[in-house]
């Protein structure tokens, strides 16, 4: 699976939320999701180190840490964009929407309960390809 560094980070954030309660996913989906998180973290670590270096190089200290001021965007954004656009090839087996839906159940009021993932986060996983409609 080819992903950009930006997709790796977005997918890692959303998949980590999905994996917070792996007992709600079917067994095989929980294993695949756990493996995917491990591989995404591995791919994200060197990218994060470079991102921190870029922020330190172009940023200024604030009360909340380092922040790139708008005046430094012309130098920072091209380098950051290039970093996030770089592709990496990862051996990840996606999980299916059916598996994700199996993690939900209906509460007494008829509303979905179970997995704590928002529609936006689920959309990220689908867009990135970590969750697919049907198994390939």
N, C-alpha and C. Protein backbone atom coordinates (compact mmCIF):
# COMPACT_ATOMS: atom_id res chain seq x y z
N UNK A 1 0.85 -1.17 0.00
CA UNK A 1 0.00 0.00 0.00
C UNK A 1 0.90 1.23 0.00
N UNK A 2 0.73 2.09 -1.00
CA UNK A 2 1.50 3.34 -1.06
C UNK A 2 0.71 4.44 -0.37
N UNK A 3 1.37 5.10 0.56
CA UNK A 3 0.78 6.21 1.28
C UNK A 3 1.78 7.35 1.32
N UNK A 4 1.27 8.57 1.35
CA UNK A 4 2.15 9.71 1.59
C UNK A 4 2.42 9.79 3.09
N UNK A 5 3.46 10.52 3.45
CA UNK A 5 3.75 10.71 4.87
C UNK A 5 2.57 11.39 5.58
N UNK A 6 1.90 12.29 4.89
CA UNK A 6 0.71 12.93 5.46
C UNK A 6 -0.40 11.92 5.72
N UNK A 7 -0.61 10.99 4.78
CA UNK A 7 -1.62 9.95 4.97
C UNK A 7 -1.22 9.00 6.10
N UNK A 8 0.07 8.72 6.21
CA UNK A 8 0.54 7.86 7.30
C UNK A 8 0.16 8.49 8.63
N UNK A 9 0.42 9.77 8.80
CA UNK A 9 0.12 10.43 10.07
C UNK A 9 -1.37 10.48 10.33
N UNK A 10 -2.15 10.86 9.33
CA UNK A 10 -3.61 10.93 9.51
C UNK A 10 -4.18 9.55 9.79
N UNK A 11 -3.72 8.55 9.06
CA UNK A 11 -4.20 7.19 9.27
C UNK A 11 -3.81 6.65 10.63
N UNK A 12 -2.60 6.96 11.07
CA UNK A 12 -2.13 6.50 12.38
C UNK A 12 -2.99 7.09 13.48
N UNK A 13 -3.27 8.37 13.40
CA UNK A 13 -4.09 9.03 14.42
C UNK A 13 -5.47 8.39 14.51
N UNK A 14 -6.12 8.19 13.35
CA UNK A 14 -7.47 7.64 13.34
C UNK A 14 -7.49 6.16 13.71
N UNK A 15 -6.53 5.39 13.22
CA UNK A 15 -6.51 3.96 13.51
C UNK A 15 -6.18 3.69 14.98
N UNK A 16 -5.37 4.54 15.58
CA UNK A 16 -5.07 4.40 17.00
C UNK A 16 -6.35 4.54 17.82
N UNK A 17 -7.21 5.46 17.44
CA UNK A 17 -8.49 5.64 18.13
C UNK A 17 -9.34 4.38 17.96
N UNK A 18 -9.37 3.84 16.76
CA UNK A 18 -10.15 2.62 16.49
C UNK A 18 -9.62 1.46 17.33
N UNK A 19 -8.32 1.42 17.55
CA UNK A 19 -7.69 0.31 18.29
C UNK A 19 -7.73 0.47 19.80
N UNK A 20 -8.26 1.58 20.29
CA UNK A 20 -8.29 1.79 21.73
C UNK A 20 -9.06 0.70 22.45
N UNK A 21 -10.01 0.08 21.77
CA UNK A 21 -10.77 -1.02 22.35
C UNK A 21 -10.80 -2.18 21.36
N UNK A 22 -9.68 -2.89 21.20
CA UNK A 22 -9.60 -3.94 20.20
C UNK A 22 -10.56 -5.09 20.45
N UNK A 23 -11.09 -5.21 21.67
CA UNK A 23 -12.03 -6.29 21.96
C UNK A 23 -13.37 -6.10 21.26
N UNK A 24 -13.62 -4.92 20.75
CA UNK A 24 -14.87 -4.66 20.04
C UNK A 24 -14.77 -5.01 18.55
N UNK A 25 -13.56 -5.20 18.05
CA UNK A 25 -13.38 -5.59 16.66
C UNK A 25 -13.35 -7.11 16.56
N UNK A 26 -13.81 -7.66 15.44
CA UNK A 26 -13.63 -9.10 15.24
C UNK A 26 -12.15 -9.44 15.33
N UNK A 27 -11.83 -10.65 15.72
CA UNK A 27 -10.46 -11.06 16.03
C UNK A 27 -9.47 -10.73 14.93
N UNK A 28 -9.73 -11.15 13.70
CA UNK A 28 -8.79 -10.91 12.60
C UNK A 28 -8.63 -9.42 12.33
N UNK A 29 -9.72 -8.66 12.41
CA UNK A 29 -9.64 -7.22 12.20
C UNK A 29 -8.80 -6.55 13.28
N UNK A 30 -8.93 -7.02 14.53
CA UNK A 30 -8.14 -6.45 15.63
C UNK A 30 -6.65 -6.72 15.41
N UNK A 31 -6.32 -7.91 14.94
CA UNK A 31 -4.92 -8.25 14.66
C UNK A 31 -4.40 -7.39 13.52
N UNK A 32 -5.17 -7.28 12.44
CA UNK A 32 -4.73 -6.46 11.31
C UNK A 32 -4.57 -5.00 11.71
N UNK A 33 -5.50 -4.48 12.49
CA UNK A 33 -5.42 -3.09 12.92
C UNK A 33 -4.20 -2.87 13.81
N UNK A 34 -3.93 -3.80 14.70
CA UNK A 34 -2.74 -3.69 15.57
C UNK A 34 -1.45 -3.71 14.77
N UNK A 35 -1.38 -4.60 13.79
CA UNK A 35 -0.19 -4.65 12.93
C UNK A 35 -0.04 -3.36 12.13
N UNK A 36 -1.15 -2.86 11.64
CA UNK A 36 -1.11 -1.63 10.85
C UNK A 36 -0.62 -0.46 11.69
N UNK A 37 -1.09 -0.36 12.93
CA UNK A 37 -0.64 0.72 13.81
C UNK A 37 0.87 0.64 14.01
N UNK A 38 1.37 -0.57 14.24
CA UNK A 38 2.81 -0.75 14.45
C UNK A 38 3.60 -0.30 13.22
N UNK A 39 3.15 -0.69 12.02
CA UNK A 39 3.85 -0.32 10.80
C UNK A 39 3.73 1.18 10.51
N UNK A 40 2.58 1.76 10.80
CA UNK A 40 2.41 3.20 10.59
C UNK A 40 3.30 3.99 11.55
N UNK A 41 3.39 3.56 12.80
CA UNK A 41 4.27 4.24 13.77
C UNK A 41 5.72 4.18 13.31
N UNK A 42 6.11 3.01 12.85
CA UNK A 42 7.48 2.82 12.36
C UNK A 42 7.78 3.77 11.20
N UNK A 43 6.82 3.94 10.30
CA UNK A 43 7.01 4.84 9.16
C UNK A 43 6.96 6.30 9.58
N UNK A 44 6.19 6.62 10.61
CA UNK A 44 6.00 8.01 11.03
C UNK A 44 7.16 8.56 11.86
N UNK A 45 7.89 7.70 12.56
CA UNK A 45 8.94 8.17 13.47
C UNK A 45 10.01 9.03 12.79
N UNK A 46 10.63 8.59 11.70
CA UNK A 46 11.66 9.45 11.09
C UNK A 46 11.07 10.72 10.49
N UNK A 47 9.84 10.65 10.03
CA UNK A 47 9.18 11.84 9.47
C UNK A 47 8.95 12.86 10.57
N UNK A 48 8.53 12.39 11.74
CA UNK A 48 8.31 13.28 12.87
C UNK A 48 9.60 13.96 13.31
N UNK A 49 10.70 13.23 13.27
CA UNK A 49 12.00 13.81 13.63
C UNK A 49 12.36 14.95 12.68
N UNK A 50 12.12 14.76 11.40
CA UNK A 50 12.41 15.81 10.41
C UNK A 50 11.45 16.98 10.59
N UNK A 51 10.17 16.68 10.86
CA UNK A 51 9.19 17.75 11.07
C UNK A 51 9.59 18.61 12.26
N UNK A 52 10.03 17.99 13.35
CA UNK A 52 10.47 18.73 14.53
C UNK A 52 11.67 19.61 14.19
N UNK A 53 12.60 19.06 13.41
CA UNK A 53 13.77 19.85 13.00
C UNK A 53 13.34 21.06 12.18
N UNK A 54 12.39 20.87 11.26
CA UNK A 54 11.90 21.98 10.44
C UNK A 54 11.23 23.05 11.31
N UNK A 55 10.45 22.63 12.28
CA UNK A 55 9.78 23.59 13.17
C UNK A 55 10.82 24.34 13.99
N UNK A 56 11.82 23.64 14.48
CA UNK A 56 12.88 24.31 15.25
C UNK A 56 13.65 25.29 14.38
N UNK A 57 13.88 24.92 13.12
CA UNK A 57 14.64 25.76 12.20
C UNK A 57 13.87 27.02 11.81
N UNK A 58 12.56 26.90 11.62
CA UNK A 58 11.76 28.03 11.13
C UNK A 58 10.85 28.64 12.20
N UNK A 59 10.81 28.02 13.37
CA UNK A 59 9.87 28.45 14.39
C UNK A 59 10.47 29.38 15.42
N UNK A 60 9.61 29.79 16.30
CA UNK A 60 9.99 30.64 17.43
C UNK A 60 9.37 30.04 18.69
N UNK A 61 10.06 30.22 19.80
CA UNK A 61 9.54 29.71 21.06
C UNK A 61 8.35 30.55 21.50
N UNK A 62 7.34 29.84 22.00
CA UNK A 62 6.15 30.48 22.57
C UNK A 62 5.91 29.85 23.93
N UNK A 63 4.88 30.30 24.61
CA UNK A 63 4.53 29.71 25.90
C UNK A 63 4.15 28.24 25.75
N UNK A 64 3.61 27.89 24.58
CA UNK A 64 3.14 26.52 24.33
C UNK A 64 4.20 25.65 23.66
N UNK A 65 5.41 26.16 23.48
CA UNK A 65 6.47 25.39 22.80
C UNK A 65 6.96 26.13 21.58
N UNK A 66 7.22 25.41 20.52
CA UNK A 66 7.69 26.02 19.27
C UNK A 66 6.52 26.18 18.31
N UNK A 67 6.53 27.29 17.58
CA UNK A 67 5.48 27.57 16.59
C UNK A 67 6.11 28.30 15.42
N UNK A 68 5.71 27.91 14.21
CA UNK A 68 6.21 28.60 13.02
C UNK A 68 5.33 29.82 12.78
N UNK A 69 5.91 31.02 12.88
CA UNK A 69 5.11 32.22 12.64
C UNK A 69 4.80 32.38 11.15
N UNK A 70 3.74 33.06 10.88
CA UNK A 70 3.28 33.25 9.49
C UNK A 70 4.36 33.87 8.60
N UNK A 71 5.17 34.74 9.15
CA UNK A 71 6.23 35.38 8.36
C UNK A 71 7.25 34.37 7.84
N UNK A 72 7.37 33.20 8.49
CA UNK A 72 8.32 32.17 8.07
C UNK A 72 7.70 31.09 7.18
N UNK A 73 6.40 31.22 6.89
CA UNK A 73 5.73 30.23 6.04
C UNK A 73 6.39 30.06 4.67
N UNK A 74 6.83 31.14 4.01
CA UNK A 74 7.44 30.95 2.68
C UNK A 74 8.64 30.01 2.68
N UNK A 75 9.39 29.96 3.76
CA UNK A 75 10.53 29.04 3.84
C UNK A 75 10.10 27.67 4.39
N UNK A 76 9.15 27.65 5.32
CA UNK A 76 8.76 26.42 6.00
C UNK A 76 7.83 25.54 5.16
N UNK A 77 6.80 26.14 4.59
CA UNK A 77 5.75 25.35 3.94
C UNK A 77 6.23 24.49 2.76
N UNK A 78 7.10 24.98 1.89
CA UNK A 78 7.57 24.10 0.81
C UNK A 78 8.30 22.86 1.33
N UNK A 79 9.15 23.04 2.33
CA UNK A 79 9.89 21.90 2.89
C UNK A 79 8.94 20.94 3.60
N UNK A 80 7.98 21.49 4.35
CA UNK A 80 7.01 20.66 5.06
C UNK A 80 6.10 19.92 4.07
N UNK A 81 5.66 20.63 3.03
CA UNK A 81 4.82 20.01 2.00
C UNK A 81 5.53 18.87 1.29
N UNK A 82 6.81 19.08 0.98
CA UNK A 82 7.60 18.03 0.33
C UNK A 82 7.73 16.81 1.24
N UNK A 83 7.95 17.06 2.53
CA UNK A 83 8.07 15.97 3.50
C UNK A 83 6.77 15.17 3.58
N UNK A 84 5.63 15.85 3.66
CA UNK A 84 4.35 15.18 3.81
C UNK A 84 3.89 14.49 2.52
N UNK A 85 4.38 14.96 1.38
CA UNK A 85 3.98 14.39 0.08
C UNK A 85 4.79 13.15 -0.30
N UNK A 86 5.93 12.94 0.35
CA UNK A 86 6.76 11.78 0.01
C UNK A 86 5.97 10.50 0.26
N UNK A 87 6.10 9.55 -0.67
CA UNK A 87 5.38 8.28 -0.55
C UNK A 87 6.24 7.21 0.09
N UNK A 88 5.57 6.35 0.82
CA UNK A 88 6.21 5.19 1.44
C UNK A 88 5.34 3.98 1.11
N UNK A 89 5.97 2.85 0.89
CA UNK A 89 5.25 1.62 0.55
C UNK A 89 5.20 0.73 1.79
N UNK A 90 4.00 0.48 2.29
CA UNK A 90 3.83 -0.31 3.51
C UNK A 90 3.02 -1.57 3.22
N UNK A 91 3.41 -2.65 3.84
CA UNK A 91 2.69 -3.91 3.71
C UNK A 91 1.62 -3.96 4.81
N UNK A 92 0.46 -3.41 4.48
CA UNK A 92 -0.64 -3.33 5.44
C UNK A 92 -1.88 -3.97 4.81
N UNK A 93 -2.53 -4.83 5.58
CA UNK A 93 -3.79 -5.41 5.14
C UNK A 93 -4.92 -4.56 5.74
N UNK A 94 -5.76 -3.97 4.90
CA UNK A 94 -6.85 -3.15 5.44
C UNK A 94 -7.91 -4.00 6.13
N UNK A 95 -8.70 -3.36 6.96
CA UNK A 95 -9.85 -4.03 7.55
C UNK A 95 -11.10 -3.54 6.82
N UNK A 96 -12.19 -4.25 6.97
CA UNK A 96 -13.40 -3.90 6.21
C UNK A 96 -14.35 -3.05 7.06
N UNK A 97 -15.19 -2.31 6.35
CA UNK A 97 -16.24 -1.55 7.03
C UNK A 97 -17.15 -2.49 7.82
N UNK A 98 -17.37 -3.68 7.28
CA UNK A 98 -18.21 -4.67 7.97
C UNK A 98 -17.60 -5.01 9.34
N UNK A 99 -16.27 -5.14 9.40
CA UNK A 99 -15.60 -5.41 10.68
C UNK A 99 -15.76 -4.24 11.64
N UNK A 100 -15.65 -3.03 11.11
CA UNK A 100 -15.81 -1.85 11.96
C UNK A 100 -17.24 -1.79 12.48
N UNK A 101 -18.21 -2.04 11.60
CA UNK A 101 -19.61 -2.02 12.01
C UNK A 101 -19.91 -3.09 13.06
N UNK A 102 -19.19 -4.21 13.01
CA UNK A 102 -19.39 -5.27 14.00
C UNK A 102 -18.99 -4.81 15.40
N UNK A 103 -18.18 -3.77 15.47
CA UNK A 103 -17.76 -3.24 16.76
C UNK A 103 -18.81 -2.36 17.42
N UNK A 104 -19.86 -2.04 16.68
CA UNK A 104 -20.95 -1.25 17.24
C UNK A 104 -22.09 -2.16 17.65
N UNK A 105 -22.84 -1.73 18.60
CA UNK A 105 -24.08 -2.40 18.95
C UNK A 105 -25.10 -1.31 19.25
N UNK A 106 -26.34 -1.69 19.43
CA UNK A 106 -27.37 -0.70 19.74
C UNK A 106 -27.64 -0.69 21.23
N UNK A 107 -27.64 0.50 21.78
CA UNK A 107 -27.94 0.65 23.20
C UNK A 107 -29.44 0.57 23.43
N UNK A 108 -29.84 0.74 24.67
CA UNK A 108 -31.25 0.66 25.02
C UNK A 108 -32.09 1.71 24.30
N UNK A 109 -31.47 2.86 24.01
CA UNK A 109 -32.19 3.93 23.32
C UNK A 109 -32.15 3.78 21.80
N UNK A 110 -31.55 2.70 21.30
CA UNK A 110 -31.49 2.46 19.87
C UNK A 110 -30.32 3.11 19.17
N UNK A 111 -29.53 3.89 19.90
CA UNK A 111 -28.37 4.54 19.30
C UNK A 111 -27.18 3.60 19.32
N UNK A 112 -26.24 3.85 18.40
CA UNK A 112 -25.03 3.03 18.35
C UNK A 112 -24.16 3.28 19.57
N UNK A 113 -23.65 2.21 20.11
CA UNK A 113 -22.68 2.29 21.20
C UNK A 113 -21.54 1.37 20.83
N UNK A 114 -20.41 1.58 21.42
CA UNK A 114 -19.28 0.69 21.15
C UNK A 114 -18.06 1.48 20.77
N UNK A 115 -17.57 1.23 19.57
CA UNK A 115 -16.33 1.87 19.12
C UNK A 115 -16.42 3.38 19.21
N UNK A 116 -15.38 3.96 19.73
CA UNK A 116 -15.33 5.41 19.90
C UNK A 116 -14.58 6.02 18.72
N UNK A 117 -15.22 6.08 17.57
CA UNK A 117 -14.60 6.70 16.40
C UNK A 117 -15.64 7.57 15.72
N UNK A 118 -15.23 8.78 15.38
CA UNK A 118 -16.16 9.72 14.76
C UNK A 118 -16.30 9.43 13.27
N UNK A 119 -17.35 9.91 12.66
CA UNK A 119 -17.49 9.76 11.20
C UNK A 119 -16.31 10.37 10.44
N UNK A 120 -15.76 11.47 10.94
CA UNK A 120 -14.61 12.10 10.29
C UNK A 120 -13.39 11.19 10.35
N UNK A 121 -13.15 10.59 11.50
CA UNK A 121 -12.00 9.69 11.65
C UNK A 121 -12.18 8.44 10.79
N UNK A 122 -13.40 7.92 10.73
CA UNK A 122 -13.66 6.75 9.89
C UNK A 122 -13.47 7.11 8.42
N UNK A 123 -13.89 8.31 8.04
CA UNK A 123 -13.70 8.78 6.67
C UNK A 123 -12.23 8.86 6.31
N UNK A 124 -11.40 9.30 7.23
CA UNK A 124 -9.95 9.35 7.00
C UNK A 124 -9.43 7.95 6.73
N UNK A 125 -9.85 6.98 7.53
CA UNK A 125 -9.39 5.60 7.35
C UNK A 125 -9.80 5.03 6.00
N UNK A 126 -11.01 5.38 5.56
CA UNK A 126 -11.48 4.93 4.25
C UNK A 126 -10.71 5.63 3.15
N UNK A 127 -10.55 6.95 3.27
CA UNK A 127 -9.84 7.72 2.24
C UNK A 127 -8.40 7.26 2.07
N UNK A 128 -7.75 6.92 3.17
CA UNK A 128 -6.36 6.49 3.14
C UNK A 128 -6.24 5.04 2.64
N UNK A 129 -7.31 4.27 2.81
CA UNK A 129 -7.31 2.88 2.36
C UNK A 129 -7.05 1.87 3.45
N UNK A 130 -7.05 2.32 4.71
CA UNK A 130 -6.84 1.41 5.83
C UNK A 130 -8.12 0.65 6.19
N UNK A 131 -9.26 1.22 5.80
CA UNK A 131 -10.55 0.54 5.92
C UNK A 131 -11.17 0.54 4.53
N UNK A 132 -11.60 -0.64 4.10
CA UNK A 132 -12.18 -0.79 2.76
C UNK A 132 -13.60 -1.32 2.87
N UNK A 133 -14.36 -1.09 1.82
CA UNK A 133 -15.75 -1.55 1.82
C UNK A 133 -15.84 -3.07 1.86
N UNK A 134 -15.08 -3.74 1.01
CA UNK A 134 -15.09 -5.20 0.95
C UNK A 134 -13.66 -5.70 0.98
N UNK A 135 -13.48 -6.89 1.51
CA UNK A 135 -12.14 -7.50 1.50
C UNK A 135 -11.72 -7.76 0.08
N UNK A 136 -10.45 -7.49 -0.22
CA UNK A 136 -9.94 -7.68 -1.57
C UNK A 136 -9.60 -9.13 -1.83
